[in-house]
């Protein structure tokens, strides 16, 4: 596995060196173009959503809050 990885790294480095030194010249001969698409008709889906009624309010309550005492070990 290491040998294949090292061989791949060497091939990539040789390719980069060949391009940078001018041994390989890559030039674009034709620009890319997206295909033409014609869309006609159709309709978006419709939904009928029924949700529950939610009422939010507030009230006063008395709650006992516990106390925590931490003592360091000696």
N, C-alpha and C. Protein backbone atom coordinates (compact mmCIF):
# COMPACT_ATOMS: atom_id res chain seq x y z
N UNK A 1 0.82 -1.18 0.00
CA UNK A 1 0.00 0.00 0.00
C UNK A 1 0.87 1.25 0.00
N UNK A 2 1.93 1.23 0.81
CA UNK A 2 2.83 2.38 0.85
C UNK A 2 3.53 2.58 -0.49
N UNK A 3 3.88 1.48 -1.14
CA UNK A 3 4.58 1.57 -2.42
C UNK A 3 3.68 2.21 -3.47
N UNK A 4 2.42 1.85 -3.50
CA UNK A 4 1.48 2.44 -4.45
C UNK A 4 1.29 3.92 -4.17
N UNK A 5 1.16 4.27 -2.90
CA UNK A 5 1.01 5.68 -2.51
C UNK A 5 2.24 6.48 -2.89
N UNK A 6 3.42 5.96 -2.64
CA UNK A 6 4.65 6.67 -2.99
C UNK A 6 4.78 6.82 -4.51
N UNK A 7 4.41 5.79 -5.26
CA UNK A 7 4.44 5.85 -6.72
C UNK A 7 3.47 6.92 -7.23
N UNK A 8 2.30 6.99 -6.63
CA UNK A 8 1.33 8.01 -7.01
C UNK A 8 1.85 9.41 -6.72
N UNK A 9 2.49 9.61 -5.58
CA UNK A 9 3.06 10.91 -5.22
C UNK A 9 4.16 11.29 -6.21
N UNK A 10 4.99 10.35 -6.57
CA UNK A 10 6.08 10.62 -7.52
C UNK A 10 5.51 10.99 -8.89
N UNK A 11 4.47 10.29 -9.34
CA UNK A 11 3.85 10.59 -10.63
C UNK A 11 3.25 11.99 -10.62
N UNK A 12 2.60 12.37 -9.54
CA UNK A 12 2.01 13.71 -9.44
C UNK A 12 3.11 14.76 -9.45
N UNK A 13 4.18 14.54 -8.71
CA UNK A 13 5.28 15.50 -8.68
C UNK A 13 5.96 15.64 -10.04
N UNK A 14 6.14 14.54 -10.74
CA UNK A 14 6.72 14.59 -12.09
C UNK A 14 5.79 15.36 -13.02
N UNK A 15 4.50 15.14 -12.92
CA UNK A 15 3.53 15.86 -13.74
C UNK A 15 3.56 17.36 -13.48
N UNK A 16 3.64 17.75 -12.21
CA UNK A 16 3.71 19.17 -11.85
C UNK A 16 5.00 19.78 -12.38
N UNK A 17 6.10 19.05 -12.24
CA UNK A 17 7.38 19.56 -12.74
C UNK A 17 7.35 19.70 -14.26
N UNK A 18 6.76 18.74 -14.97
CA UNK A 18 6.70 18.80 -16.43
C UNK A 18 5.87 19.98 -16.91
N UNK A 19 4.77 20.26 -16.24
CA UNK A 19 3.94 21.41 -16.60
C UNK A 19 4.65 22.71 -16.30
N UNK A 20 5.29 22.80 -15.13
CA UNK A 20 5.96 24.06 -14.75
C UNK A 20 7.19 24.34 -15.61
N UNK A 21 7.87 23.31 -16.11
CA UNK A 21 9.05 23.51 -16.95
C UNK A 21 8.71 23.67 -18.43
N UNK A 22 7.46 23.48 -18.79
CA UNK A 22 7.04 23.68 -20.16
C UNK A 22 7.09 22.45 -21.03
N UNK A 23 7.34 21.29 -20.49
CA UNK A 23 7.33 20.07 -21.27
C UNK A 23 5.92 19.68 -21.68
N UNK A 24 4.94 20.06 -20.86
CA UNK A 24 3.55 19.78 -21.17
C UNK A 24 2.82 21.12 -21.18
N UNK A 25 2.06 21.37 -22.24
CA UNK A 25 1.30 22.60 -22.36
C UNK A 25 -0.18 22.24 -22.48
N UNK A 26 -0.98 22.72 -21.56
CA UNK A 26 -2.40 22.45 -21.57
C UNK A 26 -3.11 23.76 -21.91
N UNK A 27 -3.87 23.74 -23.00
CA UNK A 27 -4.62 24.94 -23.39
C UNK A 27 -6.05 24.54 -23.71
N UNK A 28 -6.97 25.43 -23.39
CA UNK A 28 -8.38 25.17 -23.61
C UNK A 28 -8.72 25.49 -25.06
N UNK A 29 -9.35 24.55 -25.75
CA UNK A 29 -9.67 24.75 -27.16
C UNK A 29 -11.13 25.12 -27.38
N UNK A 30 -11.99 24.86 -26.43
CA UNK A 30 -13.41 25.18 -26.56
C UNK A 30 -13.96 25.50 -25.18
N UNK A 31 -14.80 26.53 -25.07
CA UNK A 31 -15.37 26.89 -23.78
C UNK A 31 -16.54 25.96 -23.46
N UNK A 32 -16.80 25.81 -22.19
CA UNK A 32 -17.91 24.96 -21.75
C UNK A 32 -19.23 25.71 -21.93
N UNK A 33 -20.30 24.96 -22.15
CA UNK A 33 -21.61 25.57 -22.35
C UNK A 33 -22.66 24.68 -21.72
N UNK A 34 -23.58 25.29 -20.97
CA UNK A 34 -24.66 24.53 -20.36
C UNK A 34 -25.71 24.18 -21.41
N UNK A 35 -26.39 23.06 -21.24
CA UNK A 35 -27.42 22.69 -22.21
C UNK A 35 -28.62 23.64 -22.12
N UNK A 36 -29.33 23.81 -23.23
CA UNK A 36 -30.53 24.64 -23.27
C UNK A 36 -31.70 23.80 -22.75
N UNK A 37 -32.46 24.38 -21.83
CA UNK A 37 -33.60 23.68 -21.24
C UNK A 37 -34.83 24.56 -21.39
N UNK A 38 -35.92 24.00 -21.86
CA UNK A 38 -37.17 24.73 -22.03
C UNK A 38 -38.21 24.10 -21.10
N UNK A 39 -38.72 24.90 -20.17
CA UNK A 39 -39.69 24.41 -19.19
C UNK A 39 -41.02 25.10 -19.45
N UNK A 40 -42.07 24.32 -19.61
CA UNK A 40 -43.41 24.87 -19.84
C UNK A 40 -44.41 24.17 -18.94
N UNK A 41 -45.40 24.93 -18.49
CA UNK A 41 -46.50 24.35 -17.73
C UNK A 41 -46.09 23.92 -16.33
N UNK A 42 -46.91 23.07 -15.77
CA UNK A 42 -46.65 22.57 -14.44
C UNK A 42 -47.35 23.40 -13.38
N UNK A 43 -47.36 22.93 -12.16
CA UNK A 43 -47.99 23.64 -11.05
C UNK A 43 -47.30 23.22 -9.76
N UNK A 44 -47.24 24.16 -8.85
CA UNK A 44 -46.67 23.86 -7.53
C UNK A 44 -47.69 23.06 -6.73
N UNK A 45 -47.26 22.18 -5.83
CA UNK A 45 -48.21 21.42 -5.03
C UNK A 45 -48.93 22.32 -4.03
N UNK A 46 -50.14 21.95 -3.67
CA UNK A 46 -50.93 22.69 -2.69
C UNK A 46 -51.11 21.83 -1.45
N UNK A 47 -51.13 22.48 -0.29
CA UNK A 47 -51.26 21.76 0.98
C UNK A 47 -52.33 22.44 1.83
N UNK A 48 -53.08 21.65 2.57
CA UNK A 48 -54.03 22.15 3.54
C UNK A 48 -53.55 21.67 4.91
N UNK A 49 -53.03 22.59 5.72
CA UNK A 49 -52.41 22.24 6.99
C UNK A 49 -53.28 22.74 8.13
N UNK A 50 -53.62 21.83 9.04
CA UNK A 50 -54.39 22.20 10.22
C UNK A 50 -53.51 21.94 11.44
N UNK A 51 -53.34 22.97 12.26
CA UNK A 51 -52.50 22.83 13.44
C UNK A 51 -53.33 23.05 14.70
N UNK A 52 -52.77 22.65 15.82
CA UNK A 52 -53.44 22.83 17.10
C UNK A 52 -53.33 24.29 17.54
N UNK A 53 -54.31 24.72 18.34
CA UNK A 53 -54.25 26.06 18.91
C UNK A 53 -53.36 26.03 20.15
N UNK A 54 -52.39 26.90 20.19
CA UNK A 54 -51.45 26.94 21.30
C UNK A 54 -51.58 28.30 21.96
N UNK A 55 -51.83 28.28 23.28
CA UNK A 55 -51.88 29.54 24.02
C UNK A 55 -50.74 29.53 25.03
N UNK A 56 -50.03 30.63 25.09
CA UNK A 56 -48.88 30.75 25.98
C UNK A 56 -49.20 31.80 27.02
N UNK A 57 -48.96 31.45 28.28
CA UNK A 57 -49.22 32.39 29.38
C UNK A 57 -48.17 32.23 30.46
N UNK A 58 -48.41 32.90 31.57
CA UNK A 58 -47.48 32.78 32.69
C UNK A 58 -48.26 32.77 33.99
N UNK A 59 -47.64 32.19 35.03
CA UNK A 59 -48.22 32.18 36.35
C UNK A 59 -47.09 32.20 37.37
N UNK A 60 -47.37 32.65 38.55
CA UNK A 60 -46.37 32.73 39.62
C UNK A 60 -46.42 31.46 40.47
N UNK A 61 -45.27 30.89 40.73
CA UNK A 61 -45.14 29.68 41.54
C UNK A 61 -43.99 29.87 42.52
N UNK A 62 -44.09 29.21 43.67
CA UNK A 62 -43.01 29.21 44.65
C UNK A 62 -42.33 27.84 44.55
N UNK A 63 -41.01 27.87 44.27
CA UNK A 63 -40.26 26.64 44.08
C UNK A 63 -39.10 26.63 45.06
N UNK A 64 -38.92 25.51 45.77
CA UNK A 64 -37.79 25.37 46.68
C UNK A 64 -36.56 25.00 45.86
N UNK A 65 -35.50 25.80 46.00
CA UNK A 65 -34.27 25.55 45.26
C UNK A 65 -33.25 24.96 46.21
N UNK A 66 -32.68 23.81 45.90
CA UNK A 66 -31.70 23.20 46.80
C UNK A 66 -30.39 24.00 46.80
N UNK A 67 -29.70 23.94 47.91
CA UNK A 67 -28.39 24.58 48.01
C UNK A 67 -27.32 23.49 47.93
N UNK A 68 -26.17 23.87 47.36
CA UNK A 68 -25.08 22.95 47.22
C UNK A 68 -23.86 23.54 47.89
N UNK A 69 -23.26 22.78 48.80
CA UNK A 69 -22.04 23.19 49.48
C UNK A 69 -20.92 22.27 49.04
N UNK A 70 -19.81 22.86 48.57
CA UNK A 70 -18.67 22.08 48.11
C UNK A 70 -17.52 22.35 49.06
N UNK A 71 -16.94 21.29 49.60
CA UNK A 71 -15.79 21.41 50.48
C UNK A 71 -14.60 20.74 49.82
N UNK A 72 -13.49 21.43 49.78
CA UNK A 72 -12.27 20.89 49.20
C UNK A 72 -11.69 19.82 50.13
N UNK A 73 -11.11 18.76 49.57
CA UNK A 73 -10.50 17.75 50.44
C UNK A 73 -9.25 18.30 51.11
N UNK A 74 -8.97 17.83 52.31
CA UNK A 74 -7.81 18.31 53.06
C UNK A 74 -6.63 17.42 52.90
